[in-house]
C-alpha cells in the first residue's frame, strides 16, 4: 500500500470529500494494511536547519 502526500497542509486541499471523512478513510486503510501485514512505505519529512559558522 502506498499513500501519497499525506501531509496535513496538502490533505486540506481536497475539495471533493469532507476533511474528517478523508482522514478517517486514510486511517482505516493504514489499519487494514497493518492488520493484514501488507507492505508499507512510510516517509516522514522534517525541516533541518544547518548553522554554518561565519
Protein backbone atom coordinates (compact mmCIF):
# COMPACT_ATOMS: atom_id res chain seq x y z
CA UNK A 1 0.00 0.00 0.00
CA UNK A 2 1.27 3.45 -0.84
CA UNK A 3 -0.37 6.61 0.46
CA UNK A 4 0.99 9.65 -1.29
CA UNK A 5 1.28 13.18 0.11
CA UNK A 6 -0.40 12.64 3.44
CA UNK A 7 0.83 15.92 4.90
CA UNK A 8 -1.73 17.97 6.79
CA UNK A 9 -1.31 21.02 4.59
CA UNK A 10 -1.81 19.03 1.41
CA UNK A 11 -4.72 16.97 2.66
CA UNK A 12 -6.70 20.15 3.29
CA UNK A 13 -6.56 20.91 -0.44
CA UNK A 14 -9.01 18.07 -1.20
CA UNK A 15 -12.30 19.74 -2.08
CA UNK A 16 -14.40 16.78 -3.26
CA UNK A 17 -14.54 14.99 0.12
CA UNK A 18 -15.07 16.13 3.69
CA UNK A 19 -11.75 16.55 5.55
CA UNK A 20 -12.78 14.39 8.53
CA UNK A 21 -14.05 11.61 6.23
CA UNK A 22 -10.79 11.67 4.28
CA UNK A 23 -8.72 11.40 7.47
CA UNK A 24 -10.99 8.60 8.75
CA UNK A 25 -10.69 6.65 5.47
CA UNK A 26 -6.92 7.10 5.36
CA UNK A 27 -6.54 5.82 8.91
CA UNK A 28 -8.80 2.86 8.08
CA UNK A 29 -6.58 1.99 5.10
CA UNK A 30 -3.47 2.07 7.30
CA UNK A 31 -5.12 -0.10 9.99
CA UNK A 32 -6.17 -2.62 7.33
CA UNK A 33 -2.65 -2.71 5.90
CA UNK A 34 -1.12 -3.27 9.33
CA UNK A 35 -3.62 -5.96 10.32
CA UNK A 36 -3.10 -7.88 7.07
CA UNK A 37 0.69 -7.43 7.25
CA UNK A 38 0.70 -5.64 3.91
CA UNK A 39 3.96 -4.00 2.87
CA UNK A 40 4.00 -0.33 3.87
CA UNK A 41 6.17 2.54 2.73
CA UNK A 42 6.40 5.34 5.29
CA UNK A 43 8.09 8.64 4.66
CA UNK A 44 8.47 11.45 7.13
CA UNK A 45 9.98 14.75 6.19
CA UNK A 46 11.06 17.43 8.58
CA UNK A 47 12.86 20.66 8.05
CA UNK A 48 16.51 20.52 9.02
CA UNK A 49 18.37 23.75 9.53
CA UNK A 50 22.15 23.80 9.34
CA UNK A 51 24.06 26.55 11.10
CA UNK A 52 27.31 27.36 9.38
CA UNK A 53 29.91 29.34 11.30
CA UNK A 54 30.82 32.69 9.66
